[in-house]
Amino acid sequence: MKWIEEITFSVFVSIFLTACNSSALSISEIEIVPNKVQGVIDDNNTLQIINEGKNISYIVFRSKGIVTTDLETQGDTLIIKLDVTNQHDNAVKQHVYKLTLEPNLDTIDIRINGKSTVIDSVTGI
């Protein structure tokens, strides 16, 4: 029975180490924007980053059409891919994304439909 305990312990340690080493990097569109974020959104900007502390940022992107997101890292650079499709609608929609960062990333490159884009405003809260 000792070997069962050793196997169980080994599996537990493996799962624990995997969880500790897993990436915290994530992006998700949010429907309910926190008041403190909403208060600093500039309606004149197409692309805005709002930083909240070291590891949380909000990306505000105004566009026509449907937006899909993806993240990629290259060294210490985070590449945020925003792909816009179905741009036939004339209505511009505000998309707000919550971005959880990893501490080893120090550069953000936002690409809209594959093209690096200038960020209109970076704000801290």
C-alpha atoms as a PDB file:
ATOM      1  CA  MET A   1       0.000   0.000   0.000  1.00  0.00           C
ATOM      2  CA  LYS A   2       3.012   2.302   0.410  1.00  0.00           C
ATOM      3  CA  TRP A   3       3.414   2.464  -3.375  1.00  0.00           C
ATOM      4  CA  ILE A   4      -0.189   3.690  -3.780  1.00  0.00           C
ATOM      5  CA  GLU A   5       0.548   6.553  -1.401  1.00  0.00           C
ATOM      6  CA  GLU A   6       3.744   7.373  -3.304  1.00  0.00           C
ATOM      7  CA  ILE A   7       1.936   7.393  -6.653  1.00  0.00           C
ATOM      8  CA  THR A   8      -0.887   9.514  -5.235  1.00  0.00           C
ATOM      9  CA  PHE A   9       1.643  11.946  -3.763  1.00  0.00           C
ATOM     10  CA  SER A  10       3.566  12.117  -7.070  1.00  0.00           C
ATOM     11  CA  VAL A  11       0.384  12.858  -9.007  1.00  0.00           C
ATOM     12  CA  PHE A  12      -0.603  15.541  -6.482  1.00  0.00           C
ATOM     13  CA  VAL A  13       2.837  17.185  -6.681  1.00  0.00           C
ATOM     14  CA  SER A  14       2.727  17.091 -10.477  1.00  0.00           C
ATOM     15  CA  ILE A  15      -0.716  18.733 -10.581  1.00  0.00           C
ATOM     16  CA  PHE A  16       0.356  21.339  -8.006  1.00  0.00           C
ATOM     17  CA  LEU A  17       3.511  22.251  -9.938  1.00  0.00           C
ATOM     18  CA  THR A  18       1.586  22.473 -13.192  1.00  0.00           C
ATOM     19  CA  ALA A  19      -0.934  24.825 -11.568  1.00  0.00           C
ATOM     20  CA  CYS A  20       1.840  26.981 -10.101  1.00  0.00           C
ATOM     21  CA  ASN A  21       3.596  27.241 -13.454  1.00  0.00           C
ATOM     22  CA  SER A  22       0.481  27.806 -15.524  1.00  0.00           C
ATOM     23  CA  SER A  23       0.155  31.094 -17.320  1.00  0.00           C
ATOM     24  CA  ALA A  24      -1.979  33.811 -15.814  1.00  0.00           C
ATOM     25  CA  LEU A  25      -2.038  35.534 -19.198  1.00  0.00           C
ATOM     26  CA  SER A  26      -5.600  35.937 -20.446  1.00  0.00           C
ATOM     27  CA  ILE A  27      -7.978  38.250 -22.271  1.00  0.00           C
ATOM     28  CA  SER A  28     -11.767  38.275 -22.168  1.00  0.00           C
ATOM     29  CA  GLU A  29     -14.433  40.680 -23.320  1.00  0.00           C
ATOM     30  CA  ILE A  30     -16.492  42.060 -20.463  1.00  0.00           C
ATOM     31  CA  GLU A  31     -20.090  43.196 -20.662  1.00  0.00           C
ATOM     32  CA  ILE A  32     -20.248  45.065 -17.349  1.00  0.00           C
ATOM     33  CA  VAL A  33     -17.496  47.662 -17.218  1.00  0.00           C
ATOM     34  CA  PRO A  34     -16.400  48.668 -13.683  1.00  0.00           C
ATOM     35  CA  ASN A  35     -17.294  52.273 -12.821  1.00  0.00           C
ATOM     36  CA  LYS A  36     -13.656  53.250 -12.249  1.00  0.00           C
ATOM     37  CA  VAL A  37     -12.824  52.037 -15.766  1.00  0.00           C
ATOM     38  CA  GLN A  38     -15.900  53.610 -17.365  1.00  0.00           C
ATOM     39  CA  GLY A  39     -14.968  56.918 -15.745  1.00  0.00           C
ATOM     40  CA  VAL A  40     -11.673  57.198 -17.669  1.00  0.00           C
ATOM     41  CA  ILE A  41     -12.780  55.872 -21.065  1.00  0.00           C
ATOM     42  CA  ASP A  42     -12.294  58.538 -23.716  1.00  0.00           C
ATOM     43  CA  ASP A  43     -15.064  58.284 -26.320  1.00  0.00           C
ATOM     44  CA  ASN A  44     -12.832  60.016 -28.876  1.00  0.00           C
ATOM     45  CA  ASN A  45     -10.277  57.183 -28.917  1.00  0.00           C
ATOM     46  CA  THR A  46     -10.427  54.130 -31.135  1.00  0.00           C
ATOM     47  CA  LEU A  47      -7.915  52.176 -29.022  1.00  0.00           C
ATOM     48  CA  GLN A  48      -7.212  52.839 -25.346  1.00  0.00           C
ATOM     49  CA  ILE A  49      -5.415  50.927 -22.598  1.00  0.00           C
ATOM     50  CA  ILE A  50      -6.388  51.484 -18.976  1.00  0.00           C
ATOM     51  CA  ASN A  51      -3.913  50.019 -16.480  1.00  0.00           C
ATOM     52  CA  GLU A  52      -5.081  48.875 -13.063  1.00  0.00           C
ATOM     53  CA  GLY A  53      -2.074  47.882 -11.015  1.00  0.00           C
ATOM     54  CA  LYS A  54       0.750  45.737 -12.387  1.00  0.00           C
ATOM     55  CA  ASN A  55      -1.118  42.761 -13.792  1.00  0.00           C
ATOM     56  CA  ILE A  56      -4.559  43.989 -14.900  1.00  0.00           C
ATOM     57  CA  SER A  57      -5.310  46.207 -17.873  1.00  0.00           C
ATOM     58  CA  TYR A  58      -8.421  47.007 -19.835  1.00  0.00           C
ATOM     59  CA  ILE A  59      -8.374  47.444 -23.584  1.00  0.00           C
ATOM     60  CA  VAL A  60     -11.097  49.626 -25.058  1.00  0.00           C
ATOM     61  CA  PHE A  61     -11.535  49.185 -28.806  1.00  0.00           C
ATOM     62  CA  ARG A  62     -14.179  50.865 -30.952  1.00  0.00           C
ATOM     63  CA  SER A  63     -14.956  49.232 -34.261  1.00  0.00           C
ATOM     64  CA  LYS A  64     -17.581  48.182 -36.715  1.00  0.00           C
ATOM     65  CA  GLY A  65     -18.186  44.483 -37.129  1.00  0.00           C
ATOM     66  CA  ILE A  66     -17.359  41.394 -35.109  1.00  0.00           C
ATOM     67  CA  VAL A  67     -14.085  41.324 -33.160  1.00  0.00           C
ATOM     68  CA  THR A  68     -12.176  38.172 -32.228  1.00  0.00           C
ATOM     69  CA  THR A  69      -9.119  38.178 -29.981  1.00  0.00           C
ATOM     70  CA  ASP A  70      -6.001  36.121 -29.556  1.00  0.00           C
ATOM     71  CA  LEU A  71      -2.804  36.465 -27.539  1.00  0.00           C
ATOM     72  CA  GLU A  72       0.737  35.541 -28.471  1.00  0.00           C
ATOM     73  CA  THR A  73       4.058  36.114 -26.746  1.00  0.00           C
ATOM     74  CA  GLN A  74       7.433  36.620 -28.375  1.00  0.00           C
ATOM     75  CA  GLY A  75      10.144  36.970 -25.746  1.00  0.00           C
ATOM     76  CA  ASP A  76       9.102  39.841 -23.464  1.00  0.00           C
ATOM     77  CA  THR A  77       6.497  41.160 -25.951  1.00  0.00           C
ATOM     78  CA  LEU A  78       2.786  40.466 -25.751  1.00  0.00           C
ATOM     79  CA  ILE A  79       1.013  40.531 -29.094  1.00  0.00           C
ATOM     80  CA  ILE A  80      -2.717  41.165 -28.853  1.00  0.00           C
ATOM     81  CA  LYS A  81      -4.517  40.247 -32.048  1.00  0.00           C
ATOM     82  CA  LEU A  82      -7.833  41.953 -32.730  1.00  0.00           C
ATOM     83  CA  ASP A  83      -9.413  40.690 -35.930  1.00  0.00           C
ATOM     84  CA  VAL A  84     -12.455  42.549 -37.224  1.00  0.00           C
ATOM     85  CA  THR A  85     -14.859  40.872 -39.658  1.00  0.00           C
ATOM     86  CA  ASN A  86     -18.303  41.699 -41.014  1.00  0.00           C
ATOM     87  CA  GLN A  87     -17.637  45.440 -41.104  1.00  0.00           C
ATOM     88  CA  HIS A  88     -20.732  46.191 -43.188  1.00  0.00           C
ATOM     89  CA  ASP A  89     -22.646  47.573 -40.223  1.00  0.00           C
ATOM     90  CA  ASN A  90     -22.288  51.343 -39.907  1.00  0.00           C
ATOM     91  CA  ALA A  91     -22.669  51.303 -36.122  1.00  0.00           C
ATOM     92  CA  VAL A  92     -19.445  51.595 -34.138  1.00  0.00           C
ATOM     93  CA  LYS A  93     -19.452  49.397 -31.051  1.00  0.00           C
ATOM     94  CA  GLN A  94     -17.291  49.731 -27.952  1.00  0.00           C
ATOM     95  CA  HIS A  95     -15.533  46.508 -26.933  1.00  0.00           C
ATOM     96  CA  VAL A  96     -13.901  46.339 -23.497  1.00  0.00           C
ATOM     97  CA  TYR A  97     -11.475  43.528 -22.717  1.00  0.00           C
ATOM     98  CA  LYS A  98      -9.953  42.620 -19.376  1.00  0.00           C
ATOM     99  CA  LEU A  99      -6.326  41.630 -19.807  1.00  0.00           C
ATOM    100  CA  THR A 100      -4.425  39.726 -17.145  1.00  0.00           C
ATOM    101  CA  LEU A 101      -0.682  40.113 -17.659  1.00  0.00           C
ATOM    102  CA  GLU A 102       2.369  38.130 -16.694  1.00  0.00           C
ATOM    103  CA  PRO A 103       5.185  40.030 -14.945  1.00  0.00           C
ATOM    104  CA  ASN A 104       7.853  39.000 -17.488  1.00  0.00           C
ATOM    105  CA  LEU A 105       6.143  40.898 -20.328  1.00  0.00           C
ATOM    106  CA  ASP A 106       7.157  44.530 -20.767  1.00  0.00           C
ATOM    107  CA  THR A 107       5.954  45.433 -24.277  1.00  0.00           C
ATOM    108  CA  ILE A 108       2.463  45.292 -25.777  1.00  0.00           C
ATOM    109  CA  ASP A 109       1.925  45.199 -29.532  1.00  0.00           C
ATOM    110  CA  ILE A 110      -1.736  45.451 -30.556  1.00  0.00           C
ATOM    111  CA  ARG A 111      -2.420  44.237 -34.075  1.00  0.00           C
ATOM    112  CA  ILE A 112      -5.718  44.949 -35.761  1.00  0.00           C
ATOM    113  CA  ASN A 113      -6.259  42.579 -38.679  1.00  0.00           C
ATOM    114  CA  GLY A 114      -2.530  41.764 -38.568  1.00  0.00           C
ATOM    115  CA  LYS A 115      -1.269  45.367 -38.611  1.00  0.00           C
ATOM    116  CA  SER A 116       0.474  46.927 -35.592  1.00  0.00           C
ATOM    117  CA  THR A 117      -1.662  49.821 -34.407  1.00  0.00           C
ATOM    118  CA  VAL A 118      -0.951  52.997 -32.456  1.00  0.00           C
ATOM    119  CA  ILE A 119      -2.649  53.140 -29.061  1.00  0.00           C
ATOM    120  CA  ASP A 120      -4.508  56.443 -28.787  1.00  0.00           C
ATOM    121  CA  SER A 121      -4.291  56.680 -25.001  1.00  0.00           C
ATOM    122  CA  VAL A 122      -2.765  54.854 -22.026  1.00  0.00           C
ATOM    123  CA  THR A 123      -4.339  55.695 -18.684  1.00  0.00           C
ATOM    124  CA  GLY A 124      -3.806  54.447 -15.141  1.00  0.00           C
ATOM    125  CA  ILE A 125      -6.429  54.003 -12.448  1.00  0.00           C
END
